Each structure stands twice: as C-alpha cells, then as structure tokens.
Amino acid sequence: MRWSKTLESITKRNKPATKIDMEALKLDVEAHPDAYLKERAQRLQVSHNCVWLALKRLNVTYKKTLNHPKADQEKHSVFCER
C-alpha cells in the first residue's frame, strides 16, 4: 500500500563509503591498473562488491577495445584474405 501513497519516484541516496578507504583505493588503482576486483578486495580487506561500488563512485571504468593497440592491421587483413 505504500506505493499508492507516494507516486513520485524515489531517488537513490548518496551514502558515503563506510567500509573502504577511498584514498587507498585511488592509490591501488594507480599502482595496479589491470588488477581484478577480487585482487583489490584482498589487498584492501573488503568484499569485491564493495570495491565494485567504490570504483563506480570514483567513475573508474575500463572498456575493452575491438582493436588491440599492438595488433598490426595489415597482417590481420592478409590473414583474413587467406
């Protein structure tokens, strides 16, 4: 019945991090940019979900690219033609 009383949308609350030190996480990201969440969680002694949420707060994202930076496009095209 609560939904019928308030029809406006409820926004997410802006809660600060309580279990993880955000400065330590920033330093860890700079020191180990390719580390997995599980590795970061072990170093910081928190859960991997806590690390994931904290990285989301810091706007730290890694996106995979379709073209590898070390790949040679000419060799790839020759291989595909064969």
PDB file of N, CA and C in Angstrom:
ATOM      1  N   MET A   1       0.804  -1.206   0.000  1.00  0.00           N
ATOM      2  CA  MET A   1       0.000   0.000   0.000  1.00  0.00           C
ATOM      3  C   MET A   1       0.845   1.269   0.000  1.00  0.00           C
ATOM      4  N   ARG A   2       2.144   1.143   0.306  1.00  0.00           N
ATOM      5  CA  ARG A   2       2.969   2.347   0.332  1.00  0.00           C
ATOM      6  C   ARG A   2       3.058   3.003  -1.038  1.00  0.00           C
ATOM      7  N   TRP A   3       3.054   2.196  -2.090  1.00  0.00           N
ATOM      8  CA  TRP A   3       3.214   2.751  -3.426  1.00  0.00           C
ATOM      9  C   TRP A   3       2.046   3.640  -3.812  1.00  0.00           C
ATOM     10  N   SER A   4       0.881   3.398  -3.252  1.00  0.00           N
ATOM     11  CA  SER A   4      -0.273   4.214  -3.608  1.00  0.00           C
ATOM     12  C   SER A   4      -0.249   5.578  -2.923  1.00  0.00           C
ATOM     13  N   LYS A   5       0.510   5.708  -1.847  1.00  0.00           N
ATOM     14  CA  LYS A   5       0.576   6.981  -1.130  1.00  0.00           C
ATOM     15  C   LYS A   5       1.528   7.966  -1.810  1.00  0.00           C
ATOM     16  N   THR A   6       2.673   7.462  -2.301  1.00  0.00           N
ATOM     17  CA  THR A   6       3.638   8.345  -2.968  1.00  0.00           C
ATOM     18  C   THR A   6       3.846   7.863  -4.397  1.00  0.00           C
ATOM     19  N   LEU A   7       3.412   8.636  -5.333  1.00  0.00           N
ATOM     20  CA  LEU A   7       3.520   8.255  -6.730  1.00  0.00           C
ATOM     21  C   LEU A   7       4.766   8.804  -7.406  1.00  0.00           C
ATOM     22  N   GLU A   8       5.493   9.724  -6.763  1.00  0.00           N
ATOM     23  CA  GLU A   8       6.714  10.239  -7.366  1.00  0.00           C
ATOM     24  C   GLU A   8       7.843   9.229  -7.150  1.00  0.00           C
ATOM     25  N   SER A   9       8.820   9.252  -8.048  1.00  0.00           N
ATOM     26  CA  SER A   9       9.909   8.282  -7.974  1.00  0.00           C
ATOM     27  C   SER A   9      10.844   8.630  -6.821  1.00  0.00           C
ATOM     28  N   ILE A  10      11.374   7.608  -6.214  1.00  0.00           N
ATOM     29  CA  ILE A  10      12.309   7.786  -5.117  1.00  0.00           C
ATOM     30  C   ILE A  10      13.710   7.685  -5.692  1.00  0.00           C
ATOM     31  N   THR A  11      14.540   8.692  -5.467  1.00  0.00           N
ATOM     32  CA  THR A  11      15.898   8.691  -5.990  1.00  0.00           C
ATOM     33  C   THR A  11      16.812   7.920  -5.057  1.00  0.00           C
ATOM     34  N   LYS A  12      17.959   7.531  -5.597  1.00  0.00           N
ATOM     35  CA  LYS A  12      18.931   6.805  -4.788  1.00  0.00           C
ATOM     36  C   LYS A  12      19.574   7.760  -3.801  1.00  0.00           C
ATOM     37  N   ARG A  13      19.873   7.254  -2.647  1.00  0.00           N
ATOM     38  CA  ARG A  13      20.519   8.095  -1.648  1.00  0.00           C
ATOM     39  C   ARG A  13      22.012   8.178  -1.926  1.00  0.00           C
ATOM     40  N   ASN A  14      22.613   9.259  -1.555  1.00  0.00           N
ATOM     41  CA  ASN A  14      24.033   9.479  -1.767  1.00  0.00           C
ATOM     42  C   ASN A  14      24.751   9.176  -0.459  1.00  0.00           C
ATOM     43  N   LYS A  15      25.053   7.908  -0.242  1.00  0.00           N
ATOM     44  CA  LYS A  15      25.673   7.472   1.002  1.00  0.00           C
ATOM     45  C   LYS A  15      27.182   7.369   0.812  1.00  0.00           C
ATOM     46  N   PRO A  16      27.985   7.934   1.709  1.00  0.00           N
ATOM     47  CA  PRO A  16      29.437   7.828   1.568  1.00  0.00           C
ATOM     48  C   PRO A  16      29.924   6.409   1.885  1.00  0.00           C
ATOM     49  N   ALA A  17      31.112   6.100   1.419  1.00  0.00           N
ATOM     50  CA  ALA A  17      31.703   4.786   1.674  1.00  0.00           C
ATOM     51  C   ALA A  17      32.057   4.662   3.144  1.00  0.00           C
ATOM     52  N   THR A  18      31.690   3.537   3.743  1.00  0.00           N
ATOM     53  CA  THR A  18      31.970   3.337   5.168  1.00  0.00           C
ATOM     54  C   THR A  18      33.003   2.248   5.404  1.00  0.00           C
ATOM     55  N   LYS A  19      33.061   1.240   4.543  1.00  0.00           N
ATOM     56  CA  LYS A  19      33.956   0.116   4.782  1.00  0.00           C
ATOM     57  C   LYS A  19      35.281   0.230   4.054  1.00  0.00           C
ATOM     58  N   ILE A  20      35.356   1.081   3.046  1.00  0.00           N
ATOM     59  CA  ILE A  20      36.567   1.145   2.232  1.00  0.00           C
ATOM     60  C   ILE A  20      37.136   2.552   2.268  1.00  0.00           C
ATOM     61  N   ASP A  21      38.460   2.626   2.319  1.00  0.00           N
ATOM     62  CA  ASP A  21      39.145   3.915   2.299  1.00  0.00           C
ATOM     63  C   ASP A  21      39.306   4.323   0.836  1.00  0.00           C
ATOM     64  N   MET A  22      38.631   5.386   0.440  1.00  0.00           N
ATOM     65  CA  MET A  22      38.621   5.793  -0.961  1.00  0.00           C
ATOM     66  C   MET A  22      40.007   6.251  -1.428  1.00  0.00           C
ATOM     67  N   GLU A  23      40.785   6.873  -0.548  1.00  0.00           N
ATOM     68  CA  GLU A  23      42.136   7.304  -0.925  1.00  0.00           C
ATOM     69  C   GLU A  23      43.029   6.094  -1.175  1.00  0.00           C
ATOM     70  N   ALA A  24      42.879   5.058  -0.350  1.00  0.00           N
ATOM     71  CA  ALA A  24      43.665   3.842  -0.543  1.00  0.00           C
ATOM     72  C   ALA A  24      43.269   3.165  -1.853  1.00  0.00           C
ATOM     73  N   LEU A  25      41.989   3.221  -2.197  1.00  0.00           N
ATOM     74  CA  LEU A  25      41.533   2.651  -3.454  1.00  0.00           C
ATOM     75  C   LEU A  25      42.103   3.417  -4.644  1.00  0.00           C
ATOM     76  N   LYS A  26      42.153   4.750  -4.555  1.00  0.00           N
ATOM     77  CA  LYS A  26      42.740   5.547  -5.635  1.00  0.00           C
ATOM     78  C   LYS A  26      44.204   5.185  -5.845  1.00  0.00           C
ATOM     79  N   LEU A  27      44.940   5.032  -4.739  1.00  0.00           N
ATOM     80  CA  LEU A  27      46.347   4.661  -4.837  1.00  0.00           C
ATOM     81  C   LEU A  27      46.505   3.260  -5.419  1.00  0.00           C
ATOM     82  N   ASP A  28      45.610   2.356  -5.055  1.00  0.00           N
ATOM     83  CA  ASP A  28      45.657   0.997  -5.568  1.00  0.00           C
ATOM     84  C   ASP A  28      45.374   0.970  -7.066  1.00  0.00           C
ATOM     85  N   VAL A  29      44.454   1.792  -7.524  1.00  0.00           N
ATOM     86  CA  VAL A  29      44.142   1.856  -8.957  1.00  0.00           C
ATOM     87  C   VAL A  29      45.340   2.397  -9.729  1.00  0.00           C
ATOM     88  N   GLU A  30      46.022   3.376  -9.166  1.00  0.00           N
ATOM     89  CA  GLU A  30      47.203   3.930  -9.833  1.00  0.00           C
ATOM     90  C   GLU A  30      48.358   2.932  -9.845  1.00  0.00           C
ATOM     91  N   ALA A  31      48.521   2.184  -8.748  1.00  0.00           N
ATOM     92  CA  ALA A  31      49.624   1.235  -8.647  1.00  0.00           C
ATOM     93  C   ALA A  31      49.372  -0.028  -9.471  1.00  0.00           C
ATOM     94  N   HIS A  32      48.118  -0.497  -9.489  1.00  0.00           N
ATOM     95  CA  HIS A  32      47.766  -1.736 -10.182  1.00  0.00           C
ATOM     96  C   HIS A  32      46.559  -1.474 -11.086  1.00  0.00           C
ATOM     97  N   PRO A  33      46.752  -0.874 -12.256  1.00  0.00           N
ATOM     98  CA  PRO A  33      45.606  -0.521 -13.095  1.00  0.00           C
ATOM     99  C   PRO A  33      44.881  -1.716 -13.713  1.00  0.00           C
ATOM    100  N   ASP A  34      45.564  -2.861 -13.863  1.00  0.00           N
ATOM    101  CA  ASP A  34      44.948  -4.020 -14.500  1.00  0.00           C
ATOM    102  C   ASP A  34      44.490  -5.085 -13.512  1.00  0.00           C
ATOM    103  N   ALA A  35      44.427  -4.764 -12.249  1.00  0.00           N
ATOM    104  CA  ALA A  35      44.069  -5.762 -11.233  1.00  0.00           C
ATOM    105  C   ALA A  35      42.579  -6.081 -11.292  1.00  0.00           C
ATOM    106  N   TYR A  36      42.258  -7.317 -10.913  1.00  0.00           N
ATOM    107  CA  TYR A  36      40.870  -7.742 -10.831  1.00  0.00           C
ATOM    108  C   TYR A  36      40.244  -7.235  -9.542  1.00  0.00           C
ATOM    109  N   LEU A  37      38.906  -7.216  -9.493  1.00  0.00           N
ATOM    110  CA  LEU A  37      38.204  -6.771  -8.295  1.00  0.00           C
ATOM    111  C   LEU A  37      38.555  -7.643  -7.098  1.00  0.00           C
ATOM    112  N   LYS A  38      38.671  -8.942  -7.324  1.00  0.00           N
ATOM    113  CA  LYS A  38      38.981  -9.855  -6.238  1.00  0.00           C
ATOM    114  C   LYS A  38      40.361  -9.568  -5.646  1.00  0.00           C
ATOM    115  N   GLU A  39      41.334  -9.233  -6.505  1.00  0.00           N
ATOM    116  CA  GLU A  39      42.675  -8.903  -6.033  1.00  0.00           C
ATOM    117  C   GLU A  39      42.664  -7.613  -5.217  1.00  0.00           C
ATOM    118  N   ARG A  40      41.930  -6.615  -5.713  1.00  0.00           N
ATOM    119  CA  ARG A  40      41.827  -5.355  -4.958  1.00  0.00           C
ATOM    120  C   ARG A  40      41.147  -5.579  -3.610  1.00  0.00           C
ATOM    121  N   ALA A  41      40.120  -6.411  -3.615  1.00  0.00           N
ATOM    122  CA  ALA A  41      39.388  -6.682  -2.375  1.00  0.00           C
ATOM    123  C   ALA A  41      40.285  -7.359  -1.348  1.00  0.00           C
ATOM    124  N   GLN A  42      41.146  -8.260  -1.785  1.00  0.00           N
ATOM    125  CA  GLN A  42      42.065  -8.921  -0.861  1.00  0.00           C
ATOM    126  C   GLN A  42      43.072  -7.935  -0.298  1.00  0.00           C
ATOM    127  N   ARG A  43      43.577  -7.039  -1.147  1.00  0.00           N
ATOM    128  CA  ARG A  43      44.546  -6.045  -0.667  1.00  0.00           C
ATOM    129  C   ARG A  43      43.918  -5.064   0.315  1.00  0.00           C
ATOM    130  N   LEU A  44      42.675  -4.669   0.049  1.00  0.00           N
ATOM    131  CA  LEU A  44      42.010  -3.683   0.900  1.00  0.00           C
ATOM    132  C   LEU A  44      41.174  -4.319   2.010  1.00  0.00           C
ATOM    133  N   GLN A  45      41.092  -5.654   2.022  1.00  0.00           N
ATOM    134  CA  GLN A  45      40.383  -6.425   3.042  1.00  0.00           C
ATOM    135  C   GLN A  45      38.899  -6.086   3.120  1.00  0.00           C
ATOM    136  N   VAL A  46      38.267  -6.046   1.954  1.00  0.00           N
ATOM    137  CA  VAL A  46      36.819  -5.838   1.852  1.00  0.00           C
ATOM    138  C   VAL A  46      36.288  -6.817   0.809  1.00  0.00           C
ATOM    139  N   SER A  47      34.989  -6.828   0.596  1.00  0.00           N
ATOM    140  CA  SER A  47      34.398  -7.711  -0.409  1.00  0.00           C
ATOM    141  C   SER A  47      34.591  -7.116  -1.804  1.00  0.00           C
ATOM    142  N   HIS A  48      34.483  -7.984  -2.823  1.00  0.00           N
ATOM    143  CA  HIS A  48      34.660  -7.483  -4.184  1.00  0.00           C
ATOM    144  C   HIS A  48      33.494  -6.592  -4.596  1.00  0.00           C
ATOM    145  N   ASN A  49      32.323  -6.810  -4.022  1.00  0.00           N
ATOM    146  CA  ASN A  49      31.180  -5.943  -4.314  1.00  0.00           C
ATOM    147  C   ASN A  49      31.415  -4.537  -3.762  1.00  0.00           C
ATOM    148  N   CYS A  50      32.065  -4.456  -2.615  1.00  0.00           N
ATOM    149  CA  CYS A  50      32.391  -3.153  -2.018  1.00  0.00           C
ATOM    150  C   CYS A  50      33.359  -2.392  -2.923  1.00  0.00           C
ATOM    151  N   VAL A  51      34.336  -3.105  -3.480  1.00  0.00           N
ATOM    152  CA  VAL A  51      35.297  -2.476  -4.389  1.00  0.00           C
ATOM    153  C   VAL A  51      34.592  -2.021  -5.660  1.00  0.00           C
ATOM    154  N   TRP A  52      33.694  -2.858  -6.167  1.00  0.00           N
ATOM    155  CA  TRP A  52      32.962  -2.509  -7.387  1.00  0.00           C
ATOM    156  C   TRP A  52      32.144  -1.233  -7.191  1.00  0.00           C
ATOM    157  N   LEU A  53      31.445  -1.140  -6.069  1.00  0.00           N
ATOM    158  CA  LEU A  53      30.641   0.060  -5.805  1.00  0.00           C
ATOM    159  C   LEU A  53      31.518   1.293  -5.616  1.00  0.00           C
ATOM    160  N   ALA A  54      32.655   1.117  -4.952  1.00  0.00           N
ATOM    161  CA  ALA A  54      33.557   2.255  -4.738  1.00  0.00           C
ATOM    162  C   ALA A  54      34.164   2.732  -6.053  1.00  0.00           C
ATOM    163  N   LEU A  55      34.526   1.803  -6.939  1.00  0.00           N
ATOM    164  CA  LEU A  55      35.049   2.202  -8.245  1.00  0.00           C
ATOM    165  C   LEU A  55      33.982   2.915  -9.054  1.00  0.00           C
ATOM    166  N   LYS A  56      32.754   2.499  -8.878  1.00  0.00           N
ATOM    167  CA  LYS A  56      31.647   3.169  -9.551  1.00  0.00           C
ATOM    168  C   LYS A  56      31.497   4.604  -9.042  1.00  0.00           C
ATOM    169  N   ARG A  57      31.699   4.795  -7.738  1.00  0.00           N
ATOM    170  CA  ARG A  57      31.644   6.153  -7.172  1.00  0.00           C
ATOM    171  C   ARG A  57      32.761   7.034  -7.713  1.00  0.00           C
ATOM    172  N   LEU A  58      33.938   6.426  -7.938  1.00  0.00           N
ATOM    173  CA  LEU A  58      35.090   7.175  -8.438  1.00  0.00           C
ATOM    174  C   LEU A  58      35.051   7.373  -9.949  1.00  0.00           C
ATOM    175  N   ASN A  59      34.055   6.784 -10.622  1.00  0.00           N
ATOM    176  CA  ASN A  59      33.934   6.829 -12.083  1.00  0.00           C
ATOM    177  C   ASN A  59      35.148   6.216 -12.770  1.00  0.00           C
ATOM    178  N   VAL A  60      35.652   5.123 -12.203  1.00  0.00           N
ATOM    179  CA  VAL A  60      36.762   4.392 -12.797  1.00  0.00           C
ATOM    180  C   VAL A  60      36.175   3.243 -13.591  1.00  0.00           C
ATOM    181  N   THR A  61      36.353   3.273 -14.920  1.00  0.00           N
ATOM    182  CA  THR A  61      35.848   2.209 -15.779  1.00  0.00           C
ATOM    183  C   THR A  61      36.933   1.804 -16.749  1.00  0.00           C
ATOM    184  N   TYR A  62      36.887   0.559 -17.147  1.00  0.00           N
ATOM    185  CA  TYR A  62      37.781   0.048 -18.165  1.00  0.00           C
ATOM    186  C   TYR A  62      36.918  -0.581 -19.235  1.00  0.00           C
ATOM    187  N   LYS A  63      37.132  -0.171 -20.477  1.00  0.00           N
ATOM    188  CA  LYS A  63      36.364  -0.717 -21.577  1.00  0.00           C
ATOM    189  C   LYS A  63      37.303  -1.453 -22.515  1.00  0.00           C
ATOM    190  N   LYS A  64      36.862  -2.599 -22.964  1.00  0.00           N
ATOM    191  CA  LYS A  64      37.654  -3.365 -23.908  1.00  0.00           C
ATOM    192  C   LYS A  64      37.506  -2.740 -25.295  1.00  0.00           C
ATOM    193  N   THR A  65      38.592  -2.745 -26.046  1.00  0.00           N
ATOM    194  CA  THR A  65      38.547  -2.224 -27.399  1.00  0.00           C
ATOM    195  C   THR A  65      38.532  -3.392 -28.373  1.00  0.00           C
ATOM    196  N   LEU A  66      37.965  -3.181 -29.520  1.00  0.00           N
ATOM    197  CA  LEU A  66      37.936  -4.223 -30.528  1.00  0.00           C
ATOM    198  C   LEU A  66      39.283  -4.376 -31.210  1.00  0.00           C
ATOM    199  N   ASN A  67      40.024  -3.303 -31.314  1.00  0.00           N
ATOM    200  CA  ASN A  67      41.340  -3.332 -31.939  1.00  0.00           C
ATOM    201  C   ASN A  67      42.409  -3.264 -30.861  1.00  0.00           C
ATOM    202  N   HIS A  68      43.254  -4.268 -30.833  1.00  0.00           N
ATOM    203  CA  HIS A  68      44.339  -4.285 -29.858  1.00  0.00           C
ATOM    204  C   HIS A  68      45.380  -3.250 -30.264  1.00  0.00           C
ATOM    205  N   PRO A  69      45.944  -2.494 -29.325  1.00  0.00           N
ATOM    206  CA  PRO A  69      46.885  -1.433 -29.696  1.00  0.00           C
ATOM    207  C   PRO A  69      48.173  -1.961 -30.333  1.00  0.00           C
ATOM    208  N   LYS A  70      48.571  -3.208 -30.025  1.00  0.00           N
ATOM    209  CA  LYS A  70      49.804  -3.752 -30.586  1.00  0.00           C
ATOM    210  C   LYS A  70      49.566  -4.540 -31.869  1.00  0.00           C
ATOM    211  N   ALA A  71      48.311  -4.717 -32.244  1.00  0.00           N
ATOM    212  CA  ALA A  71      47.999  -5.525 -33.429  1.00  0.00           C
ATOM    213  C   ALA A  71      48.323  -4.749 -34.704  1.00  0.00           C
ATOM    214  N   ASP A  72      48.830  -5.460 -35.679  1.00  0.00           N
ATOM    215  CA  ASP A  72      49.139  -4.870 -36.976  1.00  0.00           C
ATOM    216  C   ASP A  72      47.955  -5.120 -37.910  1.00  0.00           C
ATOM    217  N   GLN A  73      47.310  -4.079 -38.355  1.00  0.00           N
ATOM    218  CA  GLN A  73      46.111  -4.198 -39.181  1.00  0.00           C
ATOM    219  C   GLN A  73      46.411  -4.819 -40.543  1.00  0.00           C
ATOM    220  N   GLU A  74      47.588  -4.540 -41.100  1.00  0.00           N
ATOM    221  CA  GLU A  74      47.939  -5.101 -42.409  1.00  0.00           C
ATOM    222  C   GLU A  74      48.091  -6.616 -42.335  1.00  0.00           C
ATOM    223  N   LYS A  75      48.786  -7.115 -41.313  1.00  0.00           N
ATOM    224  CA  LYS A  75      48.938  -8.554 -41.151  1.00  0.00           C
ATOM    225  C   LYS A  75      47.597  -9.230 -40.919  1.00  0.00           C
ATOM    226  N   HIS A  76      46.714  -8.547 -40.188  1.00  0.00           N
ATOM    227  CA  HIS A  76      45.401  -9.106 -39.917  1.00  0.00           C
ATOM    228  C   HIS A  76      44.566  -9.216 -41.209  1.00  0.00           C
ATOM    229  N   SER A  77      44.628  -8.205 -42.037  1.00  0.00           N
ATOM    230  CA  SER A  77      43.872  -8.240 -43.286  1.00  0.00           C
ATOM    231  C   SER A  77      44.405  -9.319 -44.242  1.00  0.00           C
ATOM    232  N   VAL A  78      45.750  -9.499 -44.267  1.00  0.00           N
ATOM    233  CA  VAL A  78      46.350 -10.541 -45.103  1.00  0.00           C
ATOM    234  C   VAL A  78      45.900 -11.920 -44.587  1.00  0.00           C
ATOM    235  N   PHE A  79      45.885 -12.098 -43.285  1.00  0.00           N
ATOM    236  CA  PHE A  79      45.456 -13.371 -42.702  1.00  0.00           C
ATOM    237  C   PHE A  79      43.989 -13.657 -43.019  1.00  0.00           C
ATOM    238  N   CYS A  80      43.154 -12.649 -42.949  1.00  0.00           N
ATOM    239  CA  CYS A  80      41.720 -12.834 -43.230  1.00  0.00           C
ATOM    240  C   CYS A  80      41.476 -13.160 -44.704  1.00  0.00           C
ATOM    241  N   GLU A  81      42.307 -12.611 -45.591  1.00  0.00           N
ATOM    242  CA  GLU A  81      42.161 -12.884 -47.039  1.00  0.00           C
ATOM    243  C   GLU A  81      42.505 -14.331 -47.361  1.00  0.00           C
ATOM    244  N   ARG A  82      43.479 -14.890 -46.630  1.00  0.00           N
ATOM    245  CA  ARG A  82      43.879 -16.278 -46.864  1.00  0.00           C
ATOM    246  C   ARG A  82      42.765 -17.177 -46.405  1.00  0.00           C
TER     247      ARG A  82
END
